[in-house]
N, C-alpha and C. Protein backbone atom coordinates (compact mmCIF):
# COMPACT_ATOMS: atom_id res chain seq x y z
N MET A 1 1.27 4.85 -5.20
CA MET A 1 1.53 5.88 -4.21
C MET A 1 2.96 5.74 -3.67
N ILE A 2 3.35 4.51 -3.42
CA ILE A 2 4.70 4.26 -2.88
C ILE A 2 5.75 4.62 -3.93
N ALA A 3 5.54 4.18 -5.16
CA ALA A 3 6.52 4.47 -6.22
C ALA A 3 6.61 5.97 -6.49
N GLY A 4 5.48 6.66 -6.51
CA GLY A 4 5.50 8.11 -6.70
C GLY A 4 6.21 8.82 -5.57
N GLY A 5 6.00 8.34 -4.34
CA GLY A 5 6.70 8.92 -3.20
C GLY A 5 8.20 8.72 -3.28
N ILE A 6 8.60 7.54 -3.73
CA ILE A 6 10.04 7.27 -3.87
C ILE A 6 10.64 8.17 -4.94
N LEU A 7 9.97 8.31 -6.08
CA LEU A 7 10.47 9.19 -7.14
C LEU A 7 10.57 10.64 -6.67
N LEU A 8 9.56 11.09 -5.95
CA LEU A 8 9.57 12.44 -5.43
C LEU A 8 10.69 12.63 -4.41
N PHE A 9 10.94 11.59 -3.61
CA PHE A 9 12.02 11.66 -2.62
C PHE A 9 13.39 11.73 -3.31
N VAL A 10 13.56 10.99 -4.40
CA VAL A 10 14.82 11.05 -5.16
C VAL A 10 15.05 12.45 -5.70
N VAL A 11 13.98 13.09 -6.20
CA VAL A 11 14.10 14.47 -6.69
C VAL A 11 14.52 15.39 -5.56
N SER A 12 13.93 15.22 -4.38
CA SER A 12 14.27 16.09 -3.26
C SER A 12 15.71 15.88 -2.80
N ILE A 13 16.18 14.65 -2.82
CA ILE A 13 17.57 14.39 -2.43
C ILE A 13 18.53 15.03 -3.44
N GLU A 14 18.19 14.96 -4.72
CA GLU A 14 19.03 15.62 -5.73
C GLU A 14 19.10 17.13 -5.48
N LEU A 15 17.96 17.72 -5.17
CA LEU A 15 17.93 19.16 -4.89
C LEU A 15 18.71 19.49 -3.63
N LEU A 16 18.63 18.64 -2.62
CA LEU A 16 19.35 18.89 -1.37
C LEU A 16 20.86 18.74 -1.53
N THR A 17 21.28 17.71 -2.24
CA THR A 17 22.71 17.44 -2.32
C THR A 17 23.42 18.25 -3.40
N HIS A 18 22.74 18.49 -4.53
CA HIS A 18 23.41 19.15 -5.65
C HIS A 18 22.85 20.53 -5.98
N GLY A 19 21.73 20.88 -5.38
CA GLY A 19 21.13 22.18 -5.66
C GLY A 19 20.38 22.23 -6.97
N GLY A 20 20.26 21.13 -7.65
CA GLY A 20 19.55 21.05 -8.92
C GLY A 20 19.53 19.61 -9.37
N LEU A 21 18.87 19.36 -10.48
CA LEU A 21 18.79 18.01 -11.00
C LEU A 21 19.89 17.78 -12.02
N ARG A 22 20.44 16.60 -12.01
CA ARG A 22 21.49 16.25 -12.98
C ARG A 22 20.95 15.18 -13.91
N PHE A 23 20.54 15.58 -15.10
CA PHE A 23 20.05 14.64 -16.09
C PHE A 23 21.05 14.55 -17.23
N GLY A 24 22.16 13.91 -16.99
CA GLY A 24 23.19 13.77 -18.00
C GLY A 24 23.99 15.05 -18.14
N GLY A 25 24.83 15.08 -19.13
CA GLY A 25 25.67 16.24 -19.37
C GLY A 25 24.92 17.33 -20.12
N THR A 26 25.58 18.44 -20.27
CA THR A 26 24.96 19.53 -21.03
C THR A 26 25.24 19.32 -22.51
N VAL A 27 24.23 19.56 -23.30
CA VAL A 27 24.33 19.40 -24.74
C VAL A 27 24.18 20.78 -25.36
N LEU A 28 25.17 21.20 -26.12
CA LEU A 28 25.13 22.51 -26.74
C LEU A 28 24.65 22.39 -28.18
N ASP A 29 23.97 23.42 -28.65
CA ASP A 29 23.52 23.54 -30.04
C ASP A 29 22.65 22.36 -30.48
N GLU A 30 21.75 21.92 -29.63
CA GLU A 30 20.84 20.87 -30.01
C GLU A 30 19.42 21.36 -29.76
N SER A 31 18.57 21.27 -30.75
CA SER A 31 17.24 21.86 -30.63
C SER A 31 16.31 21.05 -29.75
N GLY A 32 16.62 19.81 -29.48
CA GLY A 32 15.73 18.96 -28.68
C GLY A 32 16.03 18.97 -27.20
N VAL A 33 16.81 19.90 -26.72
CA VAL A 33 17.17 19.93 -25.31
C VAL A 33 15.97 20.40 -24.50
N VAL A 34 15.67 19.67 -23.44
CA VAL A 34 14.54 20.00 -22.58
C VAL A 34 15.04 20.87 -21.44
N PRO A 35 14.35 21.95 -21.12
CA PRO A 35 14.78 22.77 -19.99
C PRO A 35 14.78 21.97 -18.70
N LEU A 36 15.64 22.36 -17.77
CA LEU A 36 15.79 21.63 -16.52
C LEU A 36 14.54 21.66 -15.67
N ALA A 37 13.78 22.73 -15.72
CA ALA A 37 12.58 22.85 -14.89
C ALA A 37 11.46 21.94 -15.36
N PHE A 38 11.47 21.52 -16.61
CA PHE A 38 10.36 20.73 -17.15
C PHE A 38 10.13 19.43 -16.39
N PRO A 39 11.17 18.64 -16.05
CA PRO A 39 10.90 17.41 -15.30
C PRO A 39 10.24 17.66 -13.95
N LEU A 40 10.50 18.78 -13.32
CA LEU A 40 9.85 19.07 -12.05
C LEU A 40 8.41 19.52 -12.25
N LEU A 41 8.14 20.24 -13.31
CA LEU A 41 6.78 20.74 -13.54
C LEU A 41 5.84 19.64 -14.02
N ALA A 42 6.29 18.80 -14.90
CA ALA A 42 5.42 17.77 -15.46
C ALA A 42 6.06 16.39 -15.40
N GLY A 43 6.90 16.19 -14.41
CA GLY A 43 7.58 14.90 -14.25
C GLY A 43 6.78 13.94 -13.38
N PRO A 44 7.44 12.88 -12.94
CA PRO A 44 6.74 11.85 -12.17
C PRO A 44 6.17 12.37 -10.85
N GLY A 45 6.87 13.30 -10.21
CA GLY A 45 6.37 13.84 -8.95
C GLY A 45 5.10 14.62 -9.13
N ALA A 46 5.06 15.47 -10.16
CA ALA A 46 3.87 16.27 -10.42
C ALA A 46 2.70 15.40 -10.86
N ILE A 47 2.97 14.43 -11.70
CA ILE A 47 1.91 13.54 -12.16
C ILE A 47 1.36 12.72 -11.00
N THR A 48 2.23 12.23 -10.12
CA THR A 48 1.80 11.48 -8.95
C THR A 48 0.95 12.36 -8.04
N SER A 49 1.36 13.60 -7.85
CA SER A 49 0.60 14.51 -7.00
C SER A 49 -0.80 14.75 -7.56
N VAL A 50 -0.92 14.90 -8.87
CA VAL A 50 -2.23 15.11 -9.49
C VAL A 50 -3.09 13.86 -9.35
N ILE A 51 -2.53 12.71 -9.57
CA ILE A 51 -3.30 11.46 -9.44
C ILE A 51 -3.79 11.28 -8.02
N LEU A 52 -2.90 11.50 -7.05
CA LEU A 52 -3.29 11.34 -5.65
C LEU A 52 -4.32 12.38 -5.23
N SER A 53 -4.17 13.60 -5.73
CA SER A 53 -5.16 14.64 -5.42
C SER A 53 -6.52 14.26 -5.99
N PHE A 54 -6.53 13.73 -7.20
CA PHE A 54 -7.78 13.31 -7.81
C PHE A 54 -8.44 12.19 -7.01
N GLN A 55 -7.63 11.24 -6.55
CA GLN A 55 -8.17 10.11 -5.79
C GLN A 55 -8.70 10.52 -4.43
N THR A 56 -8.04 11.49 -3.79
CA THR A 56 -8.43 11.85 -2.43
C THR A 56 -9.40 13.01 -2.37
N ALA A 57 -9.29 13.99 -3.27
CA ALA A 57 -10.10 15.21 -3.16
C ALA A 57 -11.14 15.36 -4.26
N GLY A 58 -11.00 14.66 -5.36
CA GLY A 58 -11.99 14.76 -6.43
C GLY A 58 -11.53 15.65 -7.57
N LEU A 59 -12.34 15.67 -8.62
CA LEU A 59 -11.98 16.35 -9.86
C LEU A 59 -11.96 17.87 -9.72
N VAL A 60 -12.96 18.44 -9.07
CA VAL A 60 -13.05 19.90 -8.98
C VAL A 60 -11.86 20.48 -8.21
N VAL A 61 -11.53 19.88 -7.09
CA VAL A 61 -10.40 20.35 -6.28
C VAL A 61 -9.09 20.17 -7.05
N THR A 62 -8.95 19.07 -7.76
CA THR A 62 -7.74 18.83 -8.53
C THR A 62 -7.56 19.85 -9.63
N ILE A 63 -8.62 20.14 -10.38
CA ILE A 63 -8.53 21.14 -11.45
C ILE A 63 -8.25 22.51 -10.88
N LEU A 64 -8.89 22.84 -9.77
CA LEU A 64 -8.64 24.12 -9.11
C LEU A 64 -7.18 24.21 -8.63
N SER A 65 -6.66 23.13 -8.09
CA SER A 65 -5.27 23.10 -7.64
C SER A 65 -4.30 23.27 -8.80
N ILE A 66 -4.57 22.58 -9.90
CA ILE A 66 -3.70 22.70 -11.07
C ILE A 66 -3.72 24.13 -11.60
N THR A 67 -4.90 24.74 -11.63
CA THR A 67 -5.02 26.12 -12.11
C THR A 67 -4.23 27.08 -11.22
N ILE A 68 -4.34 26.91 -9.92
CA ILE A 68 -3.60 27.76 -8.99
C ILE A 68 -2.10 27.58 -9.16
N VAL A 69 -1.66 26.34 -9.31
CA VAL A 69 -0.23 26.07 -9.50
C VAL A 69 0.27 26.68 -10.80
N ILE A 70 -0.52 26.59 -11.86
CA ILE A 70 -0.12 27.19 -13.14
C ILE A 70 0.04 28.70 -12.99
N LEU A 71 -0.90 29.34 -12.32
CA LEU A 71 -0.82 30.79 -12.12
C LEU A 71 0.39 31.18 -11.27
N ILE A 72 0.64 30.45 -10.20
CA ILE A 72 1.80 30.72 -9.35
C ILE A 72 3.09 30.49 -10.13
N THR A 73 3.15 29.40 -10.89
CA THR A 73 4.34 29.10 -11.67
C THR A 73 4.61 30.20 -12.70
N PHE A 74 3.56 30.64 -13.39
CA PHE A 74 3.74 31.71 -14.37
C PHE A 74 4.26 32.97 -13.69
N SER A 75 3.68 33.33 -12.55
CA SER A 75 4.12 34.56 -11.88
C SER A 75 5.56 34.44 -11.37
N VAL A 76 5.95 33.27 -10.91
CA VAL A 76 7.34 33.08 -10.46
C VAL A 76 8.30 33.14 -11.65
N PHE A 77 7.95 32.46 -12.76
CA PHE A 77 8.81 32.52 -13.94
C PHE A 77 8.90 33.94 -14.48
N TYR A 78 7.79 34.66 -14.44
CA TYR A 78 7.78 36.02 -14.96
C TYR A 78 8.64 36.96 -14.11
N SER A 79 8.70 36.69 -12.82
CA SER A 79 9.46 37.57 -11.92
C SER A 79 10.79 36.96 -11.48
N THR A 80 11.36 36.07 -12.28
CA THR A 80 12.61 35.42 -11.92
C THR A 80 13.77 36.41 -11.79
N ALA A 81 13.94 37.28 -12.74
CA ALA A 81 15.06 38.22 -12.70
C ALA A 81 15.01 39.13 -11.47
N PRO A 82 13.87 39.76 -11.18
CA PRO A 82 13.83 40.58 -9.97
C PRO A 82 14.02 39.77 -8.68
N LEU A 83 13.46 38.56 -8.64
CA LEU A 83 13.64 37.72 -7.45
C LEU A 83 15.11 37.34 -7.26
N TYR A 84 15.77 37.01 -8.36
CA TYR A 84 17.18 36.62 -8.25
C TYR A 84 18.03 37.81 -7.82
N ARG A 85 17.68 39.00 -8.29
CA ARG A 85 18.42 40.20 -7.84
C ARG A 85 18.24 40.42 -6.35
N ILE A 86 17.05 40.16 -5.84
CA ILE A 86 16.78 40.34 -4.42
C ILE A 86 17.46 39.25 -3.59
N LEU A 87 17.30 38.00 -4.01
CA LEU A 87 17.83 36.88 -3.23
C LEU A 87 19.33 36.68 -3.42
N GLY A 88 19.81 36.87 -4.62
CA GLY A 88 21.20 36.58 -4.92
C GLY A 88 21.43 35.07 -5.04
N ARG A 89 22.66 34.71 -5.31
CA ARG A 89 22.99 33.30 -5.51
C ARG A 89 22.82 32.49 -4.22
N ARG A 90 23.31 33.02 -3.12
CA ARG A 90 23.22 32.30 -1.85
C ARG A 90 21.77 32.15 -1.40
N GLY A 91 20.99 33.20 -1.53
CA GLY A 91 19.58 33.13 -1.16
C GLY A 91 18.81 32.13 -2.00
N SER A 92 19.15 32.05 -3.29
CA SER A 92 18.51 31.08 -4.17
C SER A 92 18.83 29.65 -3.74
N PHE A 93 20.07 29.42 -3.35
CA PHE A 93 20.44 28.08 -2.87
C PHE A 93 19.69 27.74 -1.59
N ILE A 94 19.53 28.71 -0.71
CA ILE A 94 18.81 28.46 0.54
C ILE A 94 17.36 28.12 0.27
N ILE A 95 16.72 28.89 -0.62
CA ILE A 95 15.32 28.63 -0.97
C ILE A 95 15.18 27.25 -1.60
N THR A 96 16.11 26.87 -2.45
CA THR A 96 16.08 25.55 -3.08
C THR A 96 16.15 24.46 -2.04
N ARG A 97 17.03 24.61 -1.07
CA ARG A 97 17.18 23.59 -0.03
C ARG A 97 15.93 23.50 0.85
N VAL A 98 15.34 24.64 1.18
CA VAL A 98 14.13 24.63 2.02
C VAL A 98 12.99 23.92 1.30
N PHE A 99 12.80 24.23 0.04
CA PHE A 99 11.73 23.57 -0.71
C PHE A 99 12.03 22.10 -0.95
N ALA A 100 13.30 21.73 -1.05
CA ALA A 100 13.66 20.33 -1.20
C ALA A 100 13.28 19.54 0.05
N ILE A 101 13.45 20.15 1.21
CA ILE A 101 13.05 19.49 2.46
C ILE A 101 11.53 19.32 2.50
N MET A 102 10.81 20.33 2.04
CA MET A 102 9.35 20.21 2.00
C MET A 102 8.91 19.12 1.03
N ILE A 103 9.58 19.02 -0.12
CA ILE A 103 9.26 17.97 -1.08
C ILE A 103 9.57 16.59 -0.49
N ALA A 104 10.66 16.48 0.26
CA ALA A 104 11.00 15.21 0.90
C ALA A 104 9.93 14.81 1.91
N ALA A 105 9.42 15.77 2.66
CA ALA A 105 8.38 15.46 3.64
C ALA A 105 7.11 14.97 2.95
N ILE A 106 6.74 15.60 1.85
CA ILE A 106 5.56 15.16 1.10
C ILE A 106 5.79 13.76 0.55
N ALA A 107 6.99 13.50 0.05
CA ALA A 107 7.31 12.19 -0.51
C ALA A 107 7.21 11.09 0.55
N VAL A 108 7.75 11.37 1.73
CA VAL A 108 7.68 10.38 2.81
C VAL A 108 6.22 10.12 3.19
N GLN A 109 5.41 11.17 3.22
CA GLN A 109 4.00 10.98 3.54
C GLN A 109 3.30 10.13 2.49
N TYR A 110 3.66 10.30 1.21
CA TYR A 110 3.09 9.45 0.17
C TYR A 110 3.44 7.99 0.41
N VAL A 111 4.69 7.72 0.75
CA VAL A 111 5.12 6.33 0.98
C VAL A 111 4.40 5.77 2.19
N VAL A 112 4.30 6.54 3.27
CA VAL A 112 3.61 6.06 4.48
C VAL A 112 2.14 5.78 4.18
N ASP A 113 1.48 6.69 3.47
CA ASP A 113 0.08 6.46 3.11
C ASP A 113 -0.08 5.23 2.21
N GLY A 114 0.86 5.05 1.30
CA GLY A 114 0.81 3.88 0.43
C GLY A 114 0.99 2.59 1.20
N LEU A 115 1.89 2.60 2.19
CA LEU A 115 2.10 1.40 3.01
C LEU A 115 0.88 1.11 3.89
N LYS A 116 0.21 2.16 4.34
CA LYS A 116 -1.00 1.97 5.16
C LYS A 116 -2.12 1.31 4.36
N THR A 117 -2.23 1.67 3.07
CA THR A 117 -3.31 1.11 2.26
C THR A 117 -3.03 -0.33 1.85
N ILE A 118 -1.77 -0.72 1.89
CA ILE A 118 -1.43 -2.12 1.55
C ILE A 118 -1.84 -2.98 2.70
């Protein structure tokens, strides 16, 4: 729980300071390049959240949560172009920063809960 919270906090700090994740340089014309959103969707933070949800809420709630997140993610990805037209570049940066603060709060709570159980 503590390690997952720390990893999630690092992700949130990257989003707050740089507006995105920096995983090395950009590689052009390479078929094995992973999209930038993939580490956030199925990275250590997401896996930690699923494990903790399973431990605290049970299997049914966890599967229901994953299903809801998949549907929301699909709808957001599907409507990216219209959302970006509405928000613009500055609005997108603001939304990124707000969600990064929320991710940081969740990460700190994971660390606090982990320290309480020790």
